[in-house]
Protein backbone atom coordinates (compact mmCIF):
# COMPACT_ATOMS: atom_id res chain seq x y z
CA MET A 1 -28.97 89.50 60.98
CA SER A 2 -28.95 93.00 62.43
CA LYS A 3 -25.16 93.11 61.97
CA LEU A 4 -25.70 93.09 58.22
CA PHE A 5 -27.54 96.41 58.28
CA VAL A 6 -25.69 99.70 58.21
CA LYS A 7 -26.42 101.79 61.29
CA ASP A 8 -24.08 104.67 60.51
CA ARG A 9 -26.05 107.91 60.11
CA GLN A 10 -23.52 109.18 57.58
CA PHE A 11 -24.47 106.29 55.26
CA TYR A 12 -28.13 107.31 55.19
CA LYS A 13 -27.21 110.98 54.91
CA THR A 14 -25.00 110.28 51.89
CA ALA A 15 -27.62 108.02 50.31
CA LEU A 16 -30.29 110.71 50.65
CA MET A 17 -27.93 113.40 49.41
CA LEU A 18 -27.37 111.39 46.23
CA ALA A 19 -30.86 109.95 45.84
CA LEU A 20 -33.13 112.95 46.50
CA PRO A 21 -31.91 115.12 43.59
CA ILE A 22 -32.25 112.10 41.30
CA VAL A 23 -35.74 111.42 42.67
CA LEU A 24 -36.77 115.04 42.14
CA GLN A 25 -35.32 115.00 38.63
CA ASN A 26 -37.21 111.80 37.78
CA MET A 27 -40.43 113.21 39.24
CA ILE A 28 -40.07 116.28 37.06
CA THR A 29 -39.58 114.07 34.00
CA ILE A 30 -42.65 112.03 34.93
CA GLY A 31 -44.60 115.22 35.50
CA VAL A 32 -43.78 116.26 31.95
CA ASN A 33 -44.94 112.84 30.68
CA ILE A 34 -48.21 113.13 32.61
CA MET A 35 -48.88 116.59 31.18
CA ASP A 36 -47.98 115.36 27.69
CA THR A 37 -50.43 112.47 27.87
CA VAL A 38 -53.19 114.54 29.49
CA MET A 39 -52.86 117.30 26.86
CA LEU A 40 -52.69 114.87 23.96
CA GLY A 41 -55.29 112.59 25.53
CA SER A 42 -57.85 115.37 25.07
CA TYR A 43 -57.77 114.48 21.35
CA GLY A 44 -58.69 110.83 22.03
CA GLU A 45 -57.12 107.36 22.04
CA ILE A 46 -55.69 107.47 18.48
CA GLN A 47 -53.25 110.33 19.07
CA LEU A 48 -52.41 109.11 22.57
CA SER A 49 -51.69 105.61 21.24
CA GLY A 50 -49.66 106.95 18.30
CA SER A 51 -47.34 108.98 20.53
CA SER A 52 -47.13 106.16 23.08
CA LEU A 53 -46.04 103.54 20.54
CA ALA A 54 -43.63 105.91 18.79
CA ASN A 55 -42.07 106.60 22.16
CA GLU A 56 -41.65 102.86 22.71
CA PHE A 57 -39.13 102.85 19.86
CA ILE A 58 -37.49 106.05 21.08
CA ASN A 59 -37.26 104.41 24.50
CA ILE A 60 -35.06 101.69 22.98
CA PHE A 61 -32.43 104.35 22.40
CA HIS A 62 -33.14 105.81 25.85
CA ILE A 63 -32.44 102.42 27.45
CA LEU A 64 -29.29 101.99 25.36
CA CYS A 65 -28.13 105.41 26.59
CA MET A 66 -28.79 104.24 30.13
CA GLY A 67 -26.74 101.14 29.37
CA MET A 68 -23.85 103.14 27.95
CA GLY A 69 -23.96 105.66 30.78
CA CYS A 70 -24.40 103.13 33.57
CA GLY A 71 -21.76 100.86 32.05
CA ALA A 72 -19.29 103.73 32.04
CA ALA A 73 -20.43 104.73 35.53
CA VAL A 74 -19.40 101.29 36.87
CA LEU A 75 -15.85 102.37 36.03
CA THR A 76 -16.08 106.09 36.75
CA ALA A 77 -17.51 105.51 40.24
CA GLN A 78 -14.54 103.30 41.13
CA PHE A 79 -12.04 105.61 39.43
CA TRP A 80 -13.55 108.49 41.40
CA GLY A 81 -13.22 106.46 44.62
CA LYS A 82 -9.51 105.86 43.97
CA LYS A 83 -9.00 109.40 42.53
CA ASP A 84 -7.81 108.12 39.14
CA LEU A 85 -9.16 111.07 37.14
CA ARG A 86 -7.22 110.30 33.97
CA SER A 87 -8.86 106.87 33.60
CA LEU A 88 -12.20 108.46 34.46
CA LYS A 89 -11.83 110.86 31.53
CA TYR A 90 -10.83 108.03 29.18
CA SER A 91 -14.02 106.15 30.15
CA VAL A 92 -16.14 109.17 29.20
CA THR A 93 -14.33 109.44 25.85
CA ILE A 94 -15.14 105.84 24.88
CA MET A 95 -18.74 106.19 26.05
CA MET A 96 -19.36 109.35 24.03
CA ARG A 97 -17.96 107.84 20.83
CA ILE A 98 -20.29 104.83 21.08
CA CYS A 99 -23.24 107.03 22.04
CA LEU A 100 -22.89 109.43 19.13
CA SER A 101 -22.53 106.57 16.63
CA LEU A 102 -25.75 104.92 17.84
CA ALA A 103 -27.58 108.27 17.80
CA VAL A 104 -26.79 108.72 14.11
CA LEU A 105 -28.01 105.18 13.35
CA PHE A 106 -31.34 105.67 15.15
CA THR A 107 -31.88 109.04 13.50
CA VAL A 108 -31.41 107.59 10.01
CA VAL A 109 -33.78 104.67 10.69
CA THR A 110 -36.46 106.96 12.14
CA VAL A 111 -36.31 109.45 9.27
CA PHE A 112 -36.37 106.91 6.44
CA ALA A 113 -38.60 104.15 7.85
CA PRO A 114 -41.17 105.60 10.31
CA SER A 115 -44.16 103.66 8.97
CA PHE A 116 -42.20 100.39 9.00
CA ILE A 117 -41.36 100.95 12.68
CA MET A 118 -44.98 101.75 13.56
CA ARG A 119 -46.28 98.65 11.77
CA ILE A 120 -44.15 96.55 14.11
CA PHE A 121 -46.18 97.86 17.04
CA THR A 122 -49.70 98.03 15.60
CA ASP A 123 -51.79 97.30 12.51
CA ASP A 124 -54.20 100.22 13.12
CA PRO A 125 -53.72 102.61 10.11
CA ALA A 126 -54.85 105.67 12.06
CA VAL A 127 -52.41 105.02 14.90
CA ILE A 128 -49.60 104.36 12.38
CA GLU A 129 -50.28 107.68 10.65
CA LYS A 130 -50.12 109.66 13.91
CA GLY A 131 -47.03 107.79 15.05
CA CYS A 132 -45.20 108.65 11.82
CA ILE A 133 -45.95 112.33 12.37
CA TYR A 134 -44.54 112.11 15.89
CA PHE A 135 -41.42 110.30 14.62
CA LEU A 136 -40.51 112.88 11.99
CA TRP A 137 -40.66 115.74 14.46
CA SER A 138 -38.74 113.74 17.10
CA ALA A 139 -35.83 112.54 14.94
CA PRO A 140 -33.28 115.13 16.22
CA THR A 141 -33.88 114.08 19.84
CA TYR A 142 -31.62 111.02 19.60
CA LEU A 143 -28.42 113.02 19.37
CA LEU A 144 -29.58 115.46 22.05
CA MET A 145 -30.78 112.71 24.39
CA GLY A 146 -27.59 110.71 23.93
CA ILE A 147 -25.37 113.60 24.99
CA SER A 148 -27.46 114.86 27.91
CA LEU A 149 -28.45 111.51 29.41
CA THR A 150 -25.04 109.82 29.34
CA LEU A 151 -23.25 112.89 30.70
CA THR A 152 -25.89 113.17 33.44
CA LEU A 153 -25.13 109.60 34.55
CA ILE A 154 -21.40 110.36 34.65
CA LEU A 155 -22.03 113.46 36.76
CA ARG A 156 -24.04 111.35 39.20
CA SER A 157 -21.28 108.74 39.44
CA VAL A 158 -18.91 111.44 40.75
CA ARG A 159 -21.61 112.77 43.10
CA LYS A 160 -22.50 115.83 41.00
CA VAL A 161 -26.29 115.60 41.26
CA MET A 162 -27.50 119.19 41.50
CA VAL A 163 -26.70 120.37 37.97
CA PRO A 164 -28.92 117.66 36.37
CA LEU A 165 -31.66 118.49 38.88
CA TRP A 166 -31.74 122.21 38.07
CA THR A 167 -31.58 121.37 34.39
CA SER A 168 -34.67 119.19 34.71
CA ILE A 169 -36.55 121.91 36.58
CA ILE A 170 -35.85 124.37 33.76
CA CYS A 171 -36.77 121.83 31.07
CA PHE A 172 -40.01 120.98 32.88
CA PHE A 173 -41.33 124.49 32.39
CA VAL A 174 -39.92 124.71 28.85
CA ASN A 175 -41.62 121.47 27.82
CA ILE A 176 -44.98 122.26 29.39
CA PHE A 177 -45.03 125.77 27.92
CA PHE A 178 -44.20 124.75 24.36
CA ASN A 179 -46.55 121.76 24.49
CA TRP A 180 -49.35 124.12 25.51
CA VAL A 181 -48.40 126.47 22.68
CA PHE A 182 -48.05 123.95 19.86
CA ILE A 183 -50.48 121.14 20.78
CA PHE A 184 -53.45 123.50 21.17
CA GLY A 185 -52.27 126.38 18.94
CA ASN A 186 -51.96 129.08 21.59
CA LEU A 187 -50.26 132.49 21.28
CA GLY A 188 -50.91 132.55 17.54
CA ALA A 189 -49.11 129.24 16.87
CA PRO A 190 -50.73 126.58 14.64
CA GLU A 191 -52.71 123.80 16.35
CA MET A 192 -50.29 120.93 15.69
CA GLN A 193 -51.76 118.32 18.07
CA ILE A 194 -49.45 115.24 18.12
CA ALA A 195 -46.76 117.09 16.12
CA GLY A 196 -46.90 119.85 18.73
CA ALA A 197 -46.22 117.33 21.50
CA ALA A 198 -43.13 116.14 19.65
CA LEU A 199 -41.96 119.69 18.96
CA GLY A 200 -42.38 120.72 22.60
CA THR A 201 -40.28 117.76 23.71
CA LEU A 202 -37.64 118.53 21.07
CA ILE A 203 -37.27 122.14 22.27
CA ALA A 204 -36.90 120.93 25.87
CA ARG A 205 -34.19 118.48 24.74
CA VAL A 206 -32.29 121.30 23.05
CA VAL A 207 -32.32 123.32 26.28
CA GLU A 208 -31.35 120.28 28.38
CA THR A 209 -28.41 119.35 26.15
CA ALA A 210 -27.17 122.93 26.01
CA ILE A 211 -27.06 123.23 29.81
CA ILE A 212 -25.54 119.80 30.56
CA GLY A 213 -23.14 120.00 27.61
CA ILE A 214 -21.86 123.47 28.45
CA TYR A 215 -21.39 122.54 32.11
CA VAL A 216 -19.45 119.32 31.45
CA LEU A 217 -17.47 120.54 28.44
CA ALA A 218 -16.65 124.06 29.60
CA VAL A 219 -17.35 124.63 33.30
CA ASP A 220 -16.67 121.40 35.24
CA LYS A 221 -13.08 120.99 36.41
CA ASN A 222 -13.35 117.74 38.38
CA ILE A 223 -13.77 115.48 35.36
CA GLY A 224 -12.08 117.94 33.02
CA PHE A 225 -13.62 116.47 29.87
CA ARG A 226 -13.46 118.70 26.80
CA ILE A 227 -14.54 118.36 23.15
CA ARG A 228 -10.94 117.75 22.04
CA ASP A 229 -10.91 114.60 24.21
CA LEU A 230 -13.37 112.98 21.81
CA PHE A 231 -10.57 112.81 19.24
CA GLY A 232 -7.74 111.92 21.63
CA SER A 233 -6.31 108.74 23.13
CA CYS A 234 -8.29 106.40 25.38
CA GLY A 235 -5.16 105.51 27.35
CA GLY A 236 -5.40 101.80 26.67
CA LEU A 237 -8.60 101.62 28.74
CA LEU A 238 -10.74 100.15 25.95
CA PRO A 239 -10.33 96.46 27.00
CA THR A 240 -11.32 97.28 30.60
CA TYR A 241 -14.22 99.43 29.41
CA LEU A 242 -15.48 96.66 27.14
CA LYS A 243 -15.16 94.05 29.89
CA TYR A 244 -17.50 95.92 32.22
CA SER A 245 -19.59 98.04 29.88
CA ILE A 246 -20.42 95.77 26.96
CA PRO A 247 -22.38 93.32 29.16
CA VAL A 248 -24.38 96.30 30.47
CA LEU A 249 -24.99 97.53 26.92
CA ILE A 250 -26.02 94.05 25.73
CA SER A 251 -28.18 93.57 28.82
CA ASP A 252 -29.97 96.89 28.44
CA GLY A 253 -30.16 96.49 24.66
CA MET A 254 -31.82 93.08 24.90
CA LEU A 255 -33.98 94.40 27.73
CA ALA A 256 -35.05 97.26 25.47
CA LEU A 257 -35.80 94.81 22.66
CA GLY A 258 -37.73 92.60 25.05
CA ASN A 259 -39.74 95.56 26.33
CA THR A 260 -40.40 96.45 22.71
CA MET A 261 -41.80 92.96 22.15
CA VAL A 262 -44.02 93.50 25.18
CA SER A 263 -45.23 96.71 23.53
CA VAL A 264 -45.80 94.85 20.27
CA ILE A 265 -47.97 92.34 22.12
CA ILE A 266 -49.90 95.15 23.79
CA GLY A 267 -50.25 96.99 20.46
CA HIS A 268 -51.87 93.95 18.87
CA ILE A 269 -54.34 93.36 21.69
CA SER A 270 -56.32 96.56 21.10
CA THR A 271 -55.99 100.31 20.77
CA GLU A 272 -57.88 100.64 24.07
CA TYR A 273 -55.31 98.45 25.83
CA VAL A 274 -52.48 100.59 24.39
CA ALA A 275 -54.09 103.79 25.67
CA ALA A 276 -54.79 102.27 29.11
CA ASN A 277 -51.22 100.98 29.36
CA ALA A 278 -49.86 104.43 28.44
CA ILE A 279 -51.76 105.88 31.40
CA ILE A 280 -50.71 103.12 33.80
CA ALA A 281 -47.07 103.30 32.65
CA THR A 282 -46.95 106.88 33.88
CA ILE A 283 -48.33 105.78 37.26
CA VAL A 284 -45.70 103.03 37.47
CA ARG A 285 -42.89 105.50 36.79
CA LEU A 286 -44.29 107.85 39.43
CA SER A 287 -44.55 105.11 42.07
CA THR A 288 -41.03 103.75 41.47
CA VAL A 289 -39.28 107.09 41.29
CA PHE A 290 -37.75 106.89 44.77
CA THR A 291 -36.50 103.33 44.26
CA GLN A 292 -34.81 104.34 41.02
CA GLY A 293 -33.13 107.31 42.69
CA LEU A 294 -31.99 105.18 45.60
CA GLY A 295 -30.84 102.49 43.16
CA GLN A 296 -28.56 104.90 41.34
CA ALA A 297 -27.27 106.16 44.69
CA SER A 298 -26.53 102.56 45.71
CA SER A 299 -24.62 101.95 42.48
CA VAL A 300 -22.46 105.04 43.06
CA MET A 301 -21.82 104.25 46.74
CA THR A 302 -21.03 100.60 45.99
CA GLY A 303 -18.58 101.60 43.26
CA ASN A 304 -16.94 104.20 45.49
CA ALA A 305 -16.55 101.67 48.32
CA LEU A 306 -15.01 99.06 46.04
CA GLY A 307 -12.71 101.70 44.56
CA GLN A 308 -11.37 102.04 48.11
CA LYS A 309 -11.27 98.19 48.41
CA GLU A 310 -13.84 98.11 51.24
CA THR A 311 -15.66 94.94 50.19
CA GLU A 312 -17.43 94.18 53.49
CA LYS A 313 -18.74 97.73 53.62
CA ALA A 314 -20.09 97.36 50.08
CA TYR A 315 -21.87 94.10 51.03
CA ARG A 316 -23.51 95.53 54.15
CA GLN A 317 -24.61 98.59 52.19
CA GLY A 318 -26.11 96.29 49.54
CA VAL A 319 -28.18 94.34 52.09
CA THR A 320 -29.45 97.60 53.56
CA PHE A 321 -30.36 99.07 50.18
CA VAL A 322 -32.31 95.95 49.13
CA THR A 323 -34.26 95.90 52.40
CA LEU A 324 -35.17 99.55 51.91
CA SER A 325 -36.29 98.84 48.34
CA PHE A 326 -38.71 96.13 49.54
CA LEU A 327 -40.28 98.52 52.06
CA ILE A 328 -40.50 101.24 49.43
CA GLY A 329 -42.20 98.78 47.07
CA LEU A 330 -44.91 98.07 49.64
CA PHE A 331 -45.44 101.79 50.14
CA ALA A 332 -45.60 102.33 46.37
CA ALA A 333 -48.33 99.69 46.08
CA GLY A 334 -50.44 101.70 48.51
CA VAL A 335 -49.76 104.93 46.61
CA ILE A 336 -50.88 103.32 43.34
CA LEU A 337 -54.16 102.10 44.82
CA ALA A 338 -54.79 105.54 46.32
CA LEU A 339 -53.87 107.78 43.38
CA SER A 340 -54.71 105.73 40.30
CA PRO A 341 -58.48 106.42 40.27
CA PHE A 342 -57.77 110.16 40.38
CA ILE A 343 -55.11 110.00 37.64
CA ILE A 344 -57.23 107.78 35.38
CA GLY A 345 -60.08 110.25 35.85
CA LEU A 346 -57.96 113.02 34.28
CA TYR A 347 -58.14 111.43 30.84
CA ASN A 348 -60.84 111.81 28.20
CA ILE A 349 -61.16 108.10 27.35
CA GLU A 350 -63.90 105.60 26.57
CA ASP A 351 -65.44 103.39 29.26
CA THR A 352 -63.72 100.29 27.86
CA THR A 353 -60.30 101.94 28.12
CA ARG A 354 -61.11 103.15 31.62
CA GLU A 355 -62.06 99.63 32.78
CA ILE A 356 -58.83 98.18 31.35
CA ALA A 357 -56.82 100.91 33.11
CA HIS A 358 -58.42 100.02 36.45
CA GLN A 359 -57.60 96.32 35.99
CA LEU A 360 -54.02 97.18 35.15
CA MET A 361 -53.87 99.36 38.25
CA TYR A 362 -54.58 96.35 40.50
CA ALA A 363 -51.99 94.24 38.69
CA VAL A 364 -49.37 96.96 39.03
CA SER A 365 -50.01 97.27 42.77
CA ILE A 366 -48.92 93.62 43.12
CA MET A 367 -45.97 93.59 40.74
CA ILE A 368 -44.52 96.90 41.91
CA VAL A 369 -43.06 95.23 45.02
CA PHE A 370 -41.02 92.90 42.82
CA GLN A 371 -40.13 95.71 40.43
CA SER A 372 -38.70 97.72 43.30
CA SER A 373 -36.54 94.87 44.61
CA GLN A 374 -35.20 93.69 41.25
CA SER A 375 -34.47 97.25 40.14
CA MET A 376 -32.39 97.92 43.25
CA LEU A 377 -30.42 94.73 42.66
CA THR A 378 -29.94 94.78 38.89
CA LYS A 379 -29.54 98.54 38.30
CA GLY A 380 -28.08 99.41 41.68
CA VAL A 381 -26.08 97.19 44.02
CA LEU A 382 -24.98 94.34 41.74
CA ARG A 383 -24.25 96.64 38.80
CA GLY A 384 -22.28 99.01 41.04
CA GLY A 385 -20.31 95.98 42.18
CA GLY A 386 -19.25 95.27 38.60
CA ASP A 387 -21.26 92.03 38.22
CA THR A 388 -22.29 92.99 34.71
CA LYS A 389 -21.97 89.58 33.02
CA PHE A 390 -24.35 87.89 35.47
CA LEU A 391 -26.84 90.71 35.13
CA MET A 392 -26.67 90.48 31.35
CA ILE A 393 -27.83 86.86 31.56
CA ALA A 394 -30.46 87.54 34.23
CA ASP A 395 -32.01 90.51 32.43
CA VAL A 396 -32.14 88.81 29.04
CA ALA A 397 -33.07 85.25 30.00
CA PHE A 398 -36.12 85.77 32.17
CA LEU A 399 -37.64 88.48 30.01
CA TRP A 400 -37.38 86.39 26.85
CA ILE A 401 -38.00 82.95 28.35
CA ALA A 402 -40.86 83.92 30.66
CA SER A 403 -42.45 87.35 30.14
CA VAL A 404 -42.56 87.64 26.33
CA PRO A 405 -43.94 84.16 25.48
CA LEU A 406 -46.30 84.00 28.46
CA GLY A 407 -47.60 87.50 27.78
CA ALA A 408 -48.16 86.65 24.10
CA LEU A 409 -50.09 83.51 25.00
CA CYS A 410 -52.25 85.28 27.59
CA GLY A 411 -52.96 88.32 25.42
CA LEU A 412 -53.07 87.06 21.83
CA VAL A 413 -53.98 83.37 22.10
CA TRP A 414 -55.97 82.81 25.27
CA HIS A 415 -57.42 86.38 25.43
CA LEU A 416 -57.35 86.51 29.22
CA SER A 417 -58.25 89.52 31.34
CA PRO A 418 -56.04 92.66 31.26
CA PHE A 419 -55.13 91.91 34.89
CA ILE A 420 -53.69 88.47 34.06
CA ILE A 421 -52.00 89.72 30.89
CA TYR A 422 -50.11 92.40 32.81
CA ILE A 423 -48.95 89.92 35.47
CA ALA A 424 -47.68 87.62 32.72
CA LEU A 425 -45.87 90.42 30.88
CA LYS A 426 -44.03 91.46 34.06
CA ILE A 427 -43.38 88.01 35.59
CA ASP A 428 -39.63 88.44 35.05
CA TRP A 429 -39.63 91.07 37.82
CA ALA A 430 -40.60 88.41 40.37
CA ILE A 431 -38.13 85.83 39.07
CA LYS A 432 -35.20 88.27 39.02
CA SER A 433 -35.99 89.45 42.55
CA PHE A 434 -35.39 85.96 44.00
CA ILE A 435 -32.45 85.01 41.76
CA CYS A 436 -30.59 88.26 42.44
CA LEU A 437 -31.18 88.01 46.19
CA PHE A 438 -29.27 84.71 46.18
CA ARG A 439 -26.55 86.38 44.10
CA LEU A 440 -26.27 89.20 46.64
CA LYS A 441 -25.88 86.73 49.50
CA SER A 442 -23.15 84.81 47.67
CA LYS A 443 -20.88 87.90 47.40
CA LYS A 444 -19.78 86.68 43.96
CA TRP A 445 -20.97 90.02 42.55
CA ILE A 446 -18.09 91.97 44.08
CA ARG A 447 -15.59 92.95 41.35
CA ILE A 448 -12.77 95.44 41.84
CA VAL A 449 -11.49 97.16 38.68
């Protein structure tokens, strides 16, 4: 068994070199989210719930961007490994066209039907009203997010990780500053409350897109992508792109829709449950940040290895990455149990909400081990290996067959404890962990473009 693990120091050095900037970038993003919720939470559960549920819809587009970017990165990582820069550029062209089209669609829906979207998540009129305010101020973020996020993923696939990191550091301070100004009405600005939170995020997105966009479109010479390429030829790469990327887009799209259904279930349990889940969701993101960074590093390294046709190397790296993810998951469980009481204590919430948050904390500490393993497999090793069709089925099937119906029964029909409800809503993490481990062992996930 020990022969399956990579012992080369260069492997771990490369993994850390790729993962740590991504981890730091994700931690900065989570830090912004924590500050957002703490600032807005000072106005009570209604505003916190309104922004949380509005962001659930915005997160659908975020996940689709991840799908488009990661789908393209499956190709660009291999093209980078074989030094086929022309095909790499064609992949970015196709990705950007799809991304911009979806951004326009989401913007139109958000502007013209905000209350309809909010009513999907909750029937509380006060929460709907606040969510609509957040939506209208956030509408321009789709286009900005689409450009910055997808280009960030492409930069990572070619091992350019520092530019996104420095961009996130700058945007962290921009977001926090303008949230403080507009939420509370400091420096002579109006006290906008939930609208101020949306405006602060929008300003940070503008800065982020400007930096990433200017770097990729004007400064970077490795990829060499320019605005004129959006209107040029794709070099006949479209069939290959669709073969590998569409399953990722469908997978992440259905995953986003499934997660939205989970949010709908939560939204109809109670406003207190929504607020508690918003707090716990931040803790989950914080505790899984290293696994996500390492997962993206594993996807890049797997793609690069396969681009050089080193299949056995890719397999051994995969086994090593999954083992590391399990150990990280156990460590994350301990971090959650240690930090959650302190983080929950930061919020100005009712005792009922606080009790629900503590129950969710214990549930998360169990499920986080499975989340870490399945994330490394589905978003890292297997995806980097090009096994996108299998992952499309795995992601969609278990979420919709197990998590959504079981969570609905536990939360809306049987009215079980918040602890049990959360376990039911996330049961697909455990199922995918075991199924994808068998897939890894089979080596059927290895696909060379």
